[in-house]
N, C-alpha and C. Protein backbone atom coordinates (compact mmCIF):
# COMPACT_ATOMS: atom_id res chain seq x y z
N UNK A 1 -11.15 54.65 -4.73
CA UNK A 1 -11.06 54.11 -6.30
C UNK A 1 -12.05 54.96 -6.82
N UNK A 2 -11.81 56.01 -7.85
CA UNK A 2 -12.70 56.41 -9.20
C UNK A 2 -12.94 55.74 -10.09
N UNK A 3 -14.00 55.54 -10.38
CA UNK A 3 -14.59 54.98 -11.92
C UNK A 3 -14.95 55.94 -13.22
N UNK A 4 -15.04 55.17 -14.10
CA UNK A 4 -15.01 56.10 -15.28
C UNK A 4 -16.38 56.73 -15.15
N UNK A 5 -16.59 58.06 -15.65
CA UNK A 5 -17.77 58.90 -15.58
C UNK A 5 -18.60 58.41 -17.25
N UNK A 6 -19.66 58.64 -16.90
CA UNK A 6 -20.69 58.36 -18.05
C UNK A 6 -21.91 59.43 -17.87
N UNK A 7 -21.52 60.19 -18.95
CA UNK A 7 -22.95 60.88 -19.47
C UNK A 7 -23.67 60.49 -20.05
N UNK A 8 -25.16 60.71 -19.63
CA UNK A 8 -26.29 59.88 -20.21
C UNK A 8 -26.58 61.02 -21.29
N UNK A 9 -26.44 62.35 -21.64
CA UNK A 9 -26.89 63.25 -22.21
C UNK A 9 -27.87 64.34 -22.04
N UNK A 10 -28.60 64.90 -22.23
CA UNK A 10 -30.22 65.52 -21.94
C UNK A 10 -30.85 64.91 -21.76
N UNK A 11 -31.38 63.98 -22.44
CA UNK A 11 -32.75 63.40 -22.21
C UNK A 11 -32.69 62.03 -21.76
N UNK A 12 -32.50 61.96 -20.78
CA UNK A 12 -32.45 60.93 -19.82
C UNK A 12 -33.85 59.71 -20.03
N UNK A 13 -35.24 60.46 -20.69
CA UNK A 13 -36.20 59.64 -21.00
C UNK A 13 -35.61 58.90 -22.11
N UNK A 14 -35.08 59.25 -23.02
CA UNK A 14 -34.28 58.61 -24.05
C UNK A 14 -33.63 57.54 -23.90
N UNK A 15 -32.89 57.61 -22.49
CA UNK A 15 -32.36 56.58 -22.51
C UNK A 15 -32.88 55.68 -21.72
N UNK A 16 -33.94 56.01 -20.90
CA UNK A 16 -34.70 55.19 -20.48
C UNK A 16 -35.95 54.16 -21.63
N UNK A 17 -36.11 55.06 -22.51
CA UNK A 17 -36.91 54.33 -23.41
C UNK A 17 -35.79 53.08 -24.71
N UNK A 18 -34.67 53.87 -24.16
CA UNK A 18 -33.72 52.75 -25.26
C UNK A 18 -33.45 51.48 -24.41
N UNK A 19 -33.28 51.45 -22.78
CA UNK A 19 -33.63 50.13 -22.64
C UNK A 19 -34.28 49.49 -22.35
N UNK A 20 -35.79 49.98 -22.29
CA UNK A 20 -36.60 49.37 -22.60
C UNK A 20 -36.97 48.42 -24.08
N UNK A 21 -36.46 49.32 -24.92
CA UNK A 21 -36.27 48.73 -26.49
C UNK A 21 -35.15 47.18 -26.11
N UNK A 22 -34.19 47.35 -25.49
CA UNK A 22 -33.38 46.49 -25.49
C UNK A 22 -33.78 45.37 -24.69
N UNK A 23 -34.69 45.87 -23.79
CA UNK A 23 -35.22 44.90 -22.94
C UNK A 23 -36.21 43.54 -23.69
N UNK A 24 -36.86 44.29 -25.19
CA UNK A 24 -37.59 43.32 -26.27
C UNK A 24 -36.88 42.64 -27.02
N UNK A 25 -35.82 42.87 -27.06
CA UNK A 25 -34.53 41.95 -27.64
C UNK A 25 -33.70 43.03 -28.80
N UNK A 26 -32.76 42.61 -29.64
CA UNK A 26 -31.91 43.62 -30.24
C UNK A 26 -32.53 44.81 -31.11
N UNK A 27 -31.53 46.03 -31.08
CA UNK A 27 -32.24 47.43 -31.43
C UNK A 27 -31.95 47.59 -32.94
N UNK A 28 -32.81 47.60 -33.93
CA UNK A 28 -32.67 47.87 -35.04
C UNK A 28 -31.28 48.02 -35.61
N UNK A 29 -30.51 48.67 -34.77
CA UNK A 29 -29.13 48.83 -34.76
C UNK A 29 -27.96 47.29 -35.10
N UNK A 30 -28.72 46.55 -34.21
CA UNK A 30 -27.97 45.73 -33.93
C UNK A 30 -28.06 44.29 -35.17
N UNK A 31 -29.46 44.50 -35.59
CA UNK A 31 -30.06 44.01 -36.03
C UNK A 31 -29.55 43.85 -37.62
N UNK A 32 -29.17 45.74 -37.93
CA UNK A 32 -28.56 45.92 -38.95
C UNK A 32 -26.78 45.00 -39.02
N UNK A 33 -26.52 45.46 -38.45
CA UNK A 33 -24.77 44.86 -38.04
C UNK A 33 -24.86 43.62 -37.84
N UNK A 34 -26.13 42.78 -37.64
CA UNK A 34 -25.73 41.14 -37.88
C UNK A 34 -25.99 40.67 -39.66
N UNK A 35 -27.05 41.59 -39.85
CA UNK A 35 -27.38 41.35 -41.24
C UNK A 35 -26.14 41.68 -42.14
N UNK A 36 -25.74 42.69 -41.97
CA UNK A 36 -24.20 42.98 -42.79
C UNK A 36 -23.34 41.45 -42.69
N UNK A 37 -22.74 41.08 -41.19
CA UNK A 37 -22.02 40.43 -41.33
C UNK A 37 -22.28 39.02 -41.93
N UNK A 38 -23.72 38.89 -41.79
CA UNK A 38 -23.82 37.46 -42.06
C UNK A 38 -24.23 37.58 -43.55
N UNK A 39 -24.12 38.59 -44.28
CA UNK A 39 -24.43 38.56 -45.68
C UNK A 39 -23.13 39.05 -46.00
N UNK A 40 -21.72 39.06 -45.70
CA UNK A 40 -20.87 39.23 -45.43
C UNK A 40 -19.78 38.20 -45.78
N UNK A 41 -20.40 37.08 -44.66
CA UNK A 41 -20.02 35.64 -44.47
C UNK A 41 -20.22 35.20 -46.00
N UNK A 42 -21.52 35.10 -46.50
CA UNK A 42 -21.92 34.56 -47.40
C UNK A 42 -21.60 35.10 -48.87
N UNK A 43 -21.19 36.00 -48.59
CA UNK A 43 -19.91 37.12 -49.80
C UNK A 43 -18.73 35.73 -50.16
N UNK A 44 -18.06 36.12 -48.86
CA UNK A 44 -17.02 35.39 -48.50
C UNK A 44 -16.80 34.17 -49.00
N UNK A 45 -17.89 33.19 -48.39
CA UNK A 45 -18.08 31.73 -49.05
C UNK A 45 -18.41 31.63 -50.78
N UNK A 46 -19.44 32.22 -51.12
CA UNK A 46 -18.97 32.19 -52.38
C UNK A 46 -17.94 32.63 -53.16
N UNK A 47 -17.31 33.82 -52.78
CA UNK A 47 -15.85 33.87 -53.09
C UNK A 47 -14.68 32.93 -52.62
N UNK A 48 -15.01 31.76 -51.61
CA UNK A 48 -14.01 30.93 -51.69
C UNK A 48 -14.04 29.60 -52.21
N UNK A 49 -15.88 29.13 -52.95
CA UNK A 49 -16.10 28.07 -52.89
C UNK A 49 -15.73 28.19 -54.58
N UNK A 50 -14.57 27.01 -54.92
CA UNK A 50 -13.95 26.10 -55.83
C UNK A 50 -15.00 26.23 -56.98
N UNK A 51 -14.34 26.76 -58.51
CA UNK A 51 -15.56 26.86 -59.85
C UNK A 51 -14.92 25.84 -60.53
N UNK A 52 -15.54 24.68 -61.28
CA UNK A 52 -15.25 23.95 -62.21
C UNK A 52 -16.42 24.17 -63.01
N UNK A 53 -17.74 23.75 -62.72
CA UNK A 53 -18.98 24.39 -63.59
C UNK A 53 -19.54 25.73 -63.18
N UNK A 54 -19.32 25.73 -62.44
CA UNK A 54 -20.05 27.47 -61.67
C UNK A 54 -21.49 26.66 -60.95
N UNK A 55 -22.23 24.97 -60.68
CA UNK A 55 -23.04 24.89 -60.21
C UNK A 55 -23.02 24.97 -58.58
N UNK A 56 -22.54 24.75 -58.00
CA UNK A 56 -22.32 24.88 -56.33
C UNK A 56 -22.73 26.13 -56.05
N UNK A 57 -21.80 27.04 -56.37
CA UNK A 57 -21.54 28.19 -56.21
C UNK A 57 -23.14 28.96 -56.64
N UNK A 58 -23.81 28.50 -57.70
CA UNK A 58 -25.07 29.17 -58.17
C UNK A 58 -25.91 28.93 -57.40
N UNK A 59 -25.68 28.09 -56.23
CA UNK A 59 -27.19 27.01 -55.71
C UNK A 59 -27.08 27.85 -53.86
N UNK A 60 -25.86 28.50 -53.89
CA UNK A 60 -25.71 29.04 -52.63
C UNK A 60 -26.84 30.09 -52.44
N UNK A 61 -27.18 30.33 -50.79
CA UNK A 61 -28.09 31.11 -50.50
C UNK A 61 -28.14 31.47 -49.03
N UNK A 62 -28.19 32.73 -48.50
CA UNK A 62 -28.04 33.12 -47.56
C UNK A 62 -29.22 33.69 -46.99
N UNK A 63 -29.85 33.09 -45.55
CA UNK A 63 -31.52 33.58 -45.54
C UNK A 63 -30.81 33.94 -43.84
N UNK A 64 -31.39 35.35 -43.50
CA UNK A 64 -30.91 36.17 -42.23
C UNK A 64 -32.38 36.18 -41.82
N UNK A 65 -31.96 36.29 -40.27
CA UNK A 65 -33.59 35.77 -38.85
C UNK A 65 -33.37 36.98 -38.45
N UNK A 66 -33.36 38.21 -38.38
CA UNK A 66 -33.59 38.87 -37.38
C UNK A 66 -34.80 39.18 -36.51
N UNK A 67 -35.85 38.54 -36.58
CA UNK A 67 -36.99 38.97 -35.57
C UNK A 67 -37.50 38.54 -34.25
N UNK A 68 -37.69 39.04 -33.79
CA UNK A 68 -38.03 38.70 -32.42
C UNK A 68 -36.58 39.26 -31.88
N UNK A 69 -36.63 38.34 -30.83
CA UNK A 69 -35.15 37.92 -29.60
C UNK A 69 -34.25 37.50 -30.54
N UNK A 70 -34.26 36.69 -31.21
CA UNK A 70 -33.20 36.02 -31.71
C UNK A 70 -32.49 36.45 -32.84
N UNK A 71 -30.99 36.03 -32.98
CA UNK A 71 -30.99 36.41 -34.34
C UNK A 71 -30.38 35.48 -34.82
N UNK A 72 -30.10 34.86 -36.38
CA UNK A 72 -30.21 33.87 -36.85
C UNK A 72 -29.69 34.04 -38.37
N UNK A 73 -29.12 33.14 -39.08
CA UNK A 73 -29.01 33.03 -40.36
C UNK A 73 -28.50 31.81 -40.70
N UNK A 74 -28.82 31.30 -41.78
CA UNK A 74 -28.54 29.96 -42.90
C UNK A 74 -28.12 30.49 -43.73
N UNK A 75 -26.97 29.64 -44.32
CA UNK A 75 -26.18 29.80 -45.39
C UNK A 75 -26.05 28.80 -45.99
N UNK A 76 -26.81 28.19 -47.42
CA UNK A 76 -27.23 27.03 -47.35
C UNK A 76 -26.96 26.66 -49.04
N UNK A 77 -26.11 25.51 -49.41
CA UNK A 77 -25.45 25.45 -50.87
C UNK A 77 -26.24 24.32 -51.60
N UNK A 78 -26.84 24.16 -52.27
CA UNK A 78 -27.91 23.06 -52.22
C UNK A 78 -27.15 21.89 -53.67
N UNK A 79 -25.98 22.43 -54.09
CA UNK A 79 -25.37 21.42 -54.70
C UNK A 79 -25.63 20.02 -53.71
N UNK A 80 -25.71 18.75 -54.54
CA UNK A 80 -25.72 17.56 -53.75
C UNK A 80 -23.57 17.31 -53.57
N UNK A 81 -23.26 17.72 -54.25
CA UNK A 81 -21.98 17.30 -53.70
C UNK A 81 -21.15 18.25 -53.09
N UNK A 82 -22.05 19.72 -52.31
CA UNK A 82 -20.97 20.40 -52.08
C UNK A 82 -20.74 20.09 -50.88
N UNK A 83 -21.75 19.41 -49.58
CA UNK A 83 -20.70 18.66 -48.65
C UNK A 83 -19.76 18.63 -49.05
N UNK A 84 -19.19 17.27 -50.09
CA UNK A 84 -18.23 16.50 -49.92
C UNK A 84 -16.91 17.84 -50.68
N UNK A 85 -17.54 18.46 -50.88
CA UNK A 85 -16.27 19.43 -51.32
C UNK A 85 -16.11 20.36 -49.99
N UNK A 86 -16.85 20.58 -49.27
CA UNK A 86 -16.39 21.25 -48.34
C UNK A 86 -15.17 20.27 -47.20
N UNK A 87 -15.87 19.13 -47.37
CA UNK A 87 -15.55 17.95 -46.52
C UNK A 87 -13.87 18.14 -46.74
N UNK A 88 -13.15 18.03 -48.01
CA UNK A 88 -12.06 18.02 -48.48
C UNK A 88 -11.06 19.03 -47.75
N UNK A 89 -11.99 19.96 -47.34
CA UNK A 89 -10.80 20.73 -46.02
C UNK A 89 -10.40 21.82 -47.22
N UNK A 90 -9.31 22.48 -46.12
CA UNK A 90 -8.01 23.09 -46.63
C UNK A 90 -8.67 24.02 -47.38
N UNK A 91 -8.53 24.22 -48.78
CA UNK A 91 -8.72 25.42 -49.47
C UNK A 91 -10.24 25.22 -49.98
N UNK A 92 -11.04 24.00 -49.95
CA UNK A 92 -11.95 23.52 -50.48
C UNK A 92 -13.01 24.55 -49.21
N UNK A 93 -13.25 24.04 -47.92
CA UNK A 93 -13.79 24.46 -46.93
C UNK A 93 -14.03 25.75 -47.51
N UNK A 94 -15.40 25.81 -48.34
CA UNK A 94 -15.11 27.45 -48.15
C UNK A 94 -16.06 28.22 -47.17
N UNK A 95 -17.34 27.43 -46.27
CA UNK A 95 -18.12 27.48 -45.48
C UNK A 95 -16.88 28.00 -44.09
N UNK A 96 -15.88 27.74 -43.82
CA UNK A 96 -15.39 27.39 -42.43
C UNK A 96 -14.58 28.48 -43.33
N UNK A 97 -14.09 29.19 -44.26
CA UNK A 97 -12.50 30.04 -44.68
C UNK A 97 -13.59 31.05 -44.01
N UNK A 98 -14.72 31.34 -44.64
CA UNK A 98 -15.87 32.38 -44.72
C UNK A 98 -15.62 32.81 -43.13
N UNK A 99 -16.13 31.50 -42.06
CA UNK A 99 -16.40 31.72 -41.43
C UNK A 99 -15.44 32.41 -40.08
N UNK A 100 -14.03 31.81 -40.61
CA UNK A 100 -13.16 32.40 -39.63
C UNK A 100 -12.50 33.98 -40.12
N UNK A 101 -13.27 34.63 -41.32
CA UNK A 101 -13.56 36.06 -41.41
C UNK A 101 -14.43 36.63 -40.55
N UNK A 102 -15.01 35.90 -40.25
CA UNK A 102 -16.48 36.95 -39.74
C UNK A 102 -15.72 37.74 -37.81
N UNK A 103 -16.65 38.21 -37.89
CA UNK A 103 -16.72 39.04 -36.21
C UNK A 103 -17.98 39.25 -35.81
N UNK A 104 -18.80 38.40 -35.44
CA UNK A 104 -20.40 38.82 -35.07
C UNK A 104 -20.52 39.35 -33.64
N UNK A 105 -19.27 39.05 -32.43
CA UNK A 105 -19.20 39.99 -31.18
C UNK A 105 -19.36 41.19 -32.19
N UNK A 106 -17.93 41.43 -33.03
CA UNK A 106 -17.88 43.23 -32.64
C UNK A 106 -19.09 43.49 -33.52
N UNK A 107 -19.74 42.85 -34.82
CA UNK A 107 -20.73 43.34 -35.37
C UNK A 107 -21.82 43.67 -34.09
N UNK A 108 -22.24 42.86 -33.31
CA UNK A 108 -22.98 43.05 -32.17
C UNK A 108 -22.91 44.56 -31.29
N UNK A 109 -21.73 44.56 -31.11
CA UNK A 109 -20.71 45.40 -30.40
C UNK A 109 -21.29 46.95 -30.85
N UNK A 110 -20.94 46.92 -32.31
CA UNK A 110 -20.97 47.96 -33.36
C UNK A 110 -22.40 48.61 -33.47
N UNK A 111 -22.97 47.37 -33.36
CA UNK A 111 -24.62 47.83 -33.21
C UNK A 111 -24.97 48.57 -31.83
N UNK A 112 -24.82 48.33 -30.51
CA UNK A 112 -24.82 48.56 -29.68
C UNK A 112 -24.52 49.90 -29.66
N UNK A 113 -23.09 50.22 -30.03
CA UNK A 113 -22.54 51.55 -29.66
C UNK A 113 -23.84 52.62 -30.95
N UNK A 114 -23.94 51.92 -31.95
CA UNK A 114 -24.89 52.66 -32.60
C UNK A 114 -26.06 53.32 -31.80
N UNK A 115 -26.81 51.98 -31.23
CA UNK A 115 -28.14 52.26 -30.41
C UNK A 115 -27.61 53.60 -29.39
N UNK A 116 -26.50 53.25 -28.69
CA UNK A 116 -26.75 54.24 -27.72
C UNK A 116 -26.20 55.41 -27.99
N UNK A 117 -26.30 55.51 -29.18
CA UNK A 117 -25.27 57.29 -29.98
C UNK A 117 -26.51 57.58 -30.54
N UNK A 118 -27.65 56.73 -30.84
CA UNK A 118 -29.37 57.07 -31.17
C UNK A 118 -29.89 57.44 -29.93
N UNK A 119 -29.28 57.44 -28.44
CA UNK A 119 -29.93 57.88 -27.68
C UNK A 119 -29.80 58.87 -26.75
N UNK A 120 -28.73 59.91 -27.34
CA UNK A 120 -28.01 60.75 -26.60
C UNK A 120 -28.26 62.15 -27.81
């Protein structure tokens, strides 16, 4: 059985440095893709939020954390009624609707591919 050939490129040391970098946590490219996906989810949640007075939408924030080994984000709507609006479900569930459009695994994969291209 013959496997697929992987061509490392001319600078093997770059590959070694690259894998050493990944041992410390996600690469800068992976962090950038995670940040973009998190910000897109926030933008989608803003688009899905129903507007009567605009207050709920105006209290929305996103905080993306890409430091260290972990990647995370928090989307917060500070209006006291935001949780009740979301709990109404269907087209009121603005965070769920936004999350369903996300592709965080794909974002990390895109970041990894960009990372490996940098090594070549």
